[in-house]
Amino acid sequence: MWQNVLLGAIALLMIFWAGPGIKHSIARSKQAKSDWPAALLPLALVVIFVVFLIAMV
């Protein structure tokens, strides 16, 4: 029981400690231009690789 309380307290402290950095990162991400090809290309390559592995079985 006390371990769960301690774990919850540590989680709350981590959230409060990282809060200002998270707010700053969210504000910067709203101003940045989106770069979807940089995110979708690796995802597509992983999907193709998984399909290849399944086809090889």
PDB file of N, CA and C in Angstrom:
ATOM      1  N   MET A   1       0.826  -1.191   0.000  1.00  0.00           N
ATOM      2  CA  MET A   1       0.000   0.000   0.000  1.00  0.00           C
ATOM      3  C   MET A   1       0.873   1.258   0.000  1.00  0.00           C
ATOM      4  N   TRP A   2       1.831   1.315   0.934  1.00  0.00           N
ATOM      5  CA  TRP A   2       2.658   2.518   1.017  1.00  0.00           C
ATOM      6  C   TRP A   2       3.539   2.667  -0.215  1.00  0.00           C
ATOM      7  N   GLN A   3       3.861   1.551  -0.881  1.00  0.00           N
ATOM      8  CA  GLN A   3       4.666   1.627  -2.099  1.00  0.00           C
ATOM      9  C   GLN A   3       3.874   2.274  -3.230  1.00  0.00           C
ATOM     10  N   ASN A   4       2.595   1.985  -3.305  1.00  0.00           N
ATOM     11  CA  ASN A   4       1.746   2.613  -4.317  1.00  0.00           C
ATOM     12  C   ASN A   4       1.603   4.109  -4.063  1.00  0.00           C
ATOM     13  N   VAL A   5       1.468   4.475  -2.801  1.00  0.00           N
ATOM     14  CA  VAL A   5       1.378   5.898  -2.457  1.00  0.00           C
ATOM     15  C   VAL A   5       2.686   6.598  -2.813  1.00  0.00           C
ATOM     16  N   LEU A   6       3.795   5.986  -2.495  1.00  0.00           N
ATOM     17  CA  LEU A   6       5.100   6.564  -2.821  1.00  0.00           C
ATOM     18  C   LEU A   6       5.289   6.682  -4.328  1.00  0.00           C
ATOM     19  N   LEU A   7       4.886   5.657  -5.075  1.00  0.00           N
ATOM     20  CA  LEU A   7       4.990   5.696  -6.530  1.00  0.00           C
ATOM     21  C   LEU A   7       4.123   6.807  -7.105  1.00  0.00           C
ATOM     22  N   GLY A   8       2.909   6.983  -6.583  1.00  0.00           N
ATOM     23  CA  GLY A   8       2.034   8.067  -7.026  1.00  0.00           C
ATOM     24  C   GLY A   8       2.624   9.433  -6.722  1.00  0.00           C
ATOM     25  N   ALA A   9       3.218   9.593  -5.542  1.00  0.00           N
ATOM     26  CA  ALA A   9       3.839  10.865  -5.176  1.00  0.00           C
ATOM     27  C   ALA A   9       5.023  11.172  -6.092  1.00  0.00           C
ATOM     28  N   ILE A  10       5.813  10.166  -6.411  1.00  0.00           N
ATOM     29  CA  ILE A  10       6.949  10.371  -7.311  1.00  0.00           C
ATOM     30  C   ILE A  10       6.457  10.745  -8.704  1.00  0.00           C
ATOM     31  N   ALA A  11       5.380  10.106  -9.164  1.00  0.00           N
ATOM     32  CA  ALA A  11       4.829  10.432 -10.482  1.00  0.00           C
ATOM     33  C   ALA A  11       4.327  11.871 -10.512  1.00  0.00           C
ATOM     34  N   LEU A  12       3.652  12.305  -9.471  1.00  0.00           N
ATOM     35  CA  LEU A  12       3.180  13.697  -9.416  1.00  0.00           C
ATOM     36  C   LEU A  12       4.338  14.687  -9.380  1.00  0.00           C
ATOM     37  N   LEU A  13       5.373  14.368  -8.631  1.00  0.00           N
ATOM     38  CA  LEU A  13       6.546  15.254  -8.587  1.00  0.00           C
ATOM     39  C   LEU A  13       7.204  15.345  -9.958  1.00  0.00           C
ATOM     40  N   MET A  14       7.282  14.244 -10.678  1.00  0.00           N
ATOM     41  CA  MET A  14       7.878  14.263 -12.017  1.00  0.00           C
ATOM     42  C   MET A  14       7.041  15.113 -12.970  1.00  0.00           C
ATOM     43  N   ILE A  15       5.719  15.023 -12.863  1.00  0.00           N
ATOM     44  CA  ILE A  15       4.844  15.829 -13.727  1.00  0.00           C
ATOM     45  C   ILE A  15       5.032  17.308 -13.429  1.00  0.00           C
ATOM     46  N   PHE A  16       5.057  17.680 -12.139  1.00  0.00           N
ATOM     47  CA  PHE A  16       5.248  19.087 -11.793  1.00  0.00           C
ATOM     48  C   PHE A  16       6.641  19.572 -12.173  1.00  0.00           C
ATOM     49  N   TRP A  17       7.643  18.704 -12.101  1.00  0.00           N
ATOM     50  CA  TRP A  17       9.006  19.088 -12.447  1.00  0.00           C
ATOM     51  C   TRP A  17       9.153  19.314 -13.952  1.00  0.00           C
ATOM     52  N   ALA A  18       8.478  18.481 -14.750  1.00  0.00           N
ATOM     53  CA  ALA A  18       8.601  18.572 -16.202  1.00  0.00           C
ATOM     54  C   ALA A  18       7.563  19.496 -16.819  1.00  0.00           C
ATOM     55  N   GLY A  19       6.621  19.991 -16.037  1.00  0.00           N
ATOM     56  CA  GLY A  19       5.524  20.813 -16.554  1.00  0.00           C
ATOM     57  C   GLY A  19       5.950  22.024 -17.374  1.00  0.00           C
ATOM     58  N   PRO A  20       6.846  22.869 -16.868  1.00  0.00           N
ATOM     59  CA  PRO A  20       7.247  24.040 -17.667  1.00  0.00           C
ATOM     60  C   PRO A  20       7.904  23.666 -18.993  1.00  0.00           C
ATOM     61  N   GLY A  21       8.693  22.642 -19.003  1.00  0.00           N
ATOM     62  CA  GLY A  21       9.318  22.198 -20.251  1.00  0.00           C
ATOM     63  C   GLY A  21       8.297  21.672 -21.241  1.00  0.00           C
ATOM     64  N   ILE A  22       7.291  20.973 -20.742  1.00  0.00           N
ATOM     65  CA  ILE A  22       6.243  20.446 -21.614  1.00  0.00           C
ATOM     66  C   ILE A  22       5.442  21.596 -22.220  1.00  0.00           C
ATOM     67  N   LYS A  23       5.107  22.600 -21.402  1.00  0.00           N
ATOM     68  CA  LYS A  23       4.363  23.763 -21.911  1.00  0.00           C
ATOM     69  C   LYS A  23       5.164  24.480 -22.997  1.00  0.00           C
ATOM     70  N   HIS A  24       6.450  24.641 -22.774  1.00  0.00           N
ATOM     71  CA  HIS A  24       7.312  25.314 -23.753  1.00  0.00           C
ATOM     72  C   HIS A  24       7.389  24.504 -25.048  1.00  0.00           C
ATOM     73  N   SER A  25       7.506  23.190 -24.927  1.00  0.00           N
ATOM     74  CA  SER A  25       7.582  22.335 -26.117  1.00  0.00           C
ATOM     75  C   SER A  25       6.288  22.378 -26.916  1.00  0.00           C
ATOM     76  N   ILE A  26       5.153  22.396 -26.236  1.00  0.00           N
ATOM     77  CA  ILE A  26       3.864  22.470 -26.936  1.00  0.00           C
ATOM     78  C   ILE A  26       3.736  23.805 -27.664  1.00  0.00           C
ATOM     79  N   ALA A  27       4.168  24.887 -27.032  1.00  0.00           N
ATOM     80  CA  ALA A  27       4.104  26.197 -27.677  1.00  0.00           C
ATOM     81  C   ALA A  27       5.005  26.244 -28.908  1.00  0.00           C
ATOM     82  N   ARG A  28       6.192  25.651 -28.822  1.00  0.00           N
ATOM     83  CA  ARG A  28       7.095  25.635 -29.974  1.00  0.00           C
ATOM     84  C   ARG A  28       6.569  24.754 -31.093  1.00  0.00           C
ATOM     85  N   SER A  29       5.912  23.651 -30.740  1.00  0.00           N
ATOM     86  CA  SER A  29       5.419  22.745 -31.774  1.00  0.00           C
ATOM     87  C   SER A  29       4.259  23.352 -32.549  1.00  0.00           C
ATOM     88  N   LYS A  30       3.507  24.238 -31.928  1.00  0.00           N
ATOM     89  CA  LYS A  30       2.408  24.899 -32.639  1.00  0.00           C
ATOM     90  C   LYS A  30       2.939  25.867 -33.684  1.00  0.00           C
ATOM     91  N   GLN A  31       4.129  26.415 -33.470  1.00  0.00           N
ATOM     92  CA  GLN A  31       4.715  27.380 -34.402  1.00  0.00           C
ATOM     93  C   GLN A  31       5.510  26.693 -35.514  1.00  0.00           C
ATOM     94  N   ALA A  32       5.901  25.448 -35.311  1.00  0.00           N
ATOM     95  CA  ALA A  32       6.734  24.750 -36.285  1.00  0.00           C
ATOM     96  C   ALA A  32       5.893  24.245 -37.456  1.00  0.00           C
ATOM     97  N   LYS A  33       6.529  24.192 -38.626  1.00  0.00           N
ATOM     98  CA  LYS A  33       5.824  23.652 -39.789  1.00  0.00           C
ATOM     99  C   LYS A  33       5.783  22.137 -39.681  1.00  0.00           C
ATOM    100  N   SER A  34       4.715  21.548 -40.183  1.00  0.00           N
ATOM    101  CA  SER A  34       4.571  20.102 -40.084  1.00  0.00           C
ATOM    102  C   SER A  34       5.390  19.422 -41.190  1.00  0.00           C
ATOM    103  N   ASP A  35       5.938  18.280 -40.868  1.00  0.00           N
ATOM    104  CA  ASP A  35       6.776  17.537 -41.796  1.00  0.00           C
ATOM    105  C   ASP A  35       6.300  16.084 -41.822  1.00  0.00           C
ATOM    106  N   TRP A  36       5.125  15.873 -42.427  1.00  0.00           N
ATOM    107  CA  TRP A  36       4.527  14.550 -42.445  1.00  0.00           C
ATOM    108  C   TRP A  36       5.340  13.506 -43.203  1.00  0.00           C
ATOM    109  N   PRO A  37       5.974  13.838 -44.324  1.00  0.00           N
ATOM    110  CA  PRO A  37       6.764  12.787 -45.006  1.00  0.00           C
ATOM    111  C   PRO A  37       7.873  12.203 -44.128  1.00  0.00           C
ATOM    112  N   ALA A  38       8.439  13.024 -43.258  1.00  0.00           N
ATOM    113  CA  ALA A  38       9.502  12.519 -42.380  1.00  0.00           C
ATOM    114  C   ALA A  38       8.953  11.529 -41.359  1.00  0.00           C
ATOM    115  N   ALA A  39       7.679  11.624 -41.030  1.00  0.00           N
ATOM    116  CA  ALA A  39       7.084  10.681 -40.092  1.00  0.00           C
ATOM    117  C   ALA A  39       6.495   9.466 -40.803  1.00  0.00           C
ATOM    118  N   LEU A  40       5.938   9.682 -41.986  1.00  0.00           N
ATOM    119  CA  LEU A  40       5.244   8.597 -42.668  1.00  0.00           C
ATOM    120  C   LEU A  40       6.187   7.642 -43.406  1.00  0.00           C
ATOM    121  N   LEU A  41       7.305   8.133 -43.891  1.00  0.00           N
ATOM    122  CA  LEU A  41       8.236   7.276 -44.621  1.00  0.00           C
ATOM    123  C   LEU A  41       8.781   6.134 -43.757  1.00  0.00           C
ATOM    124  N   PRO A  42       9.306   6.394 -42.557  1.00  0.00           N
ATOM    125  CA  PRO A  42       9.763   5.256 -41.735  1.00  0.00           C
ATOM    126  C   PRO A  42       8.629   4.314 -41.345  1.00  0.00           C
ATOM    127  N   LEU A  43       7.456   4.868 -41.101  1.00  0.00           N
ATOM    128  CA  LEU A  43       6.307   4.025 -40.765  1.00  0.00           C
ATOM    129  C   LEU A  43       5.945   3.114 -41.937  1.00  0.00           C
ATOM    130  N   ALA A  44       5.955   3.648 -43.137  1.00  0.00           N
ATOM    131  CA  ALA A  44       5.653   2.838 -44.319  1.00  0.00           C
ATOM    132  C   ALA A  44       6.717   1.768 -44.522  1.00  0.00           C
ATOM    133  N   LEU A  45       7.966   2.098 -44.290  1.00  0.00           N
ATOM    134  CA  LEU A  45       9.035   1.106 -44.433  1.00  0.00           C
ATOM    135  C   LEU A  45       8.882  -0.029 -43.431  1.00  0.00           C
ATOM    136  N   VAL A  46       8.482   0.289 -42.216  1.00  0.00           N
ATOM    137  CA  VAL A  46       8.269  -0.751 -41.213  1.00  0.00           C
ATOM    138  C   VAL A  46       7.114  -1.651 -41.624  1.00  0.00           C
ATOM    139  N   VAL A  47       6.031  -1.063 -42.121  1.00  0.00           N
ATOM    140  CA  VAL A  47       4.881  -1.858 -42.557  1.00  0.00           C
ATOM    141  C   VAL A  47       5.276  -2.774 -43.711  1.00  0.00           C
ATOM    142  N   ILE A  48       6.018  -2.252 -44.660  1.00  0.00           N
ATOM    143  CA  ILE A  48       6.466  -3.073 -45.790  1.00  0.00           C
ATOM    144  C   ILE A  48       7.373  -4.205 -45.310  1.00  0.00           C
ATOM    145  N   PHE A  49       8.245  -3.919 -44.376  1.00  0.00           N
ATOM    146  CA  PHE A  49       9.140  -4.951 -43.837  1.00  0.00           C
ATOM    147  C   PHE A  49       8.350  -6.045 -43.119  1.00  0.00           C
ATOM    148  N   VAL A  50       7.353  -5.657 -42.332  1.00  0.00           N
ATOM    149  CA  VAL A  50       6.540  -6.641 -41.619  1.00  0.00           C
ATOM    150  C   VAL A  50       5.756  -7.501 -42.609  1.00  0.00           C
ATOM    151  N   VAL A  51       5.196  -6.881 -43.653  1.00  0.00           N
ATOM    152  CA  VAL A  51       4.485  -7.654 -44.669  1.00  0.00           C
ATOM    153  C   VAL A  51       5.448  -8.615 -45.353  1.00  0.00           C
ATOM    154  N   PHE A  52       6.666  -8.183 -45.623  1.00  0.00           N
ATOM    155  CA  PHE A  52       7.672  -9.044 -46.215  1.00  0.00           C
ATOM    156  C   PHE A  52       7.976 -10.241 -45.311  1.00  0.00           C
ATOM    157  N   LEU A  53       8.138  -9.985 -44.014  1.00  0.00           N
ATOM    158  CA  LEU A  53       8.428 -11.066 -43.077  1.00  0.00           C
ATOM    159  C   LEU A  53       7.271 -12.056 -43.010  1.00  0.00           C
ATOM    160  N   ILE A  54       6.058 -11.565 -43.026  1.00  0.00           N
ATOM    161  CA  ILE A  54       4.898 -12.461 -42.985  1.00  0.00           C
ATOM    162  C   ILE A  54       4.829 -13.297 -44.272  1.00  0.00           C
ATOM    163  N   ALA A  55       5.147 -12.669 -45.405  1.00  0.00           N
ATOM    164  CA  ALA A  55       5.098 -13.391 -46.683  1.00  0.00           C
ATOM    165  C   ALA A  55       6.177 -14.465 -46.769  1.00  0.00           C
ATOM    166  N   MET A  56       7.260 -14.298 -46.037  1.00  0.00           N
ATOM    167  CA  MET A  56       8.350 -15.268 -46.088  1.00  0.00           C
ATOM    168  C   MET A  56       8.038 -16.532 -45.290  1.00  0.00           C
ATOM    169  N   VAL A  57       7.043 -16.507 -44.452  1.00  0.00           N
ATOM    170  CA  VAL A  57       6.735 -17.669 -43.597  1.00  0.00           C
ATOM    171  C   VAL A  57       5.944 -18.686 -44.363  1.00  0.00           C
TER     172      VAL A  57
END
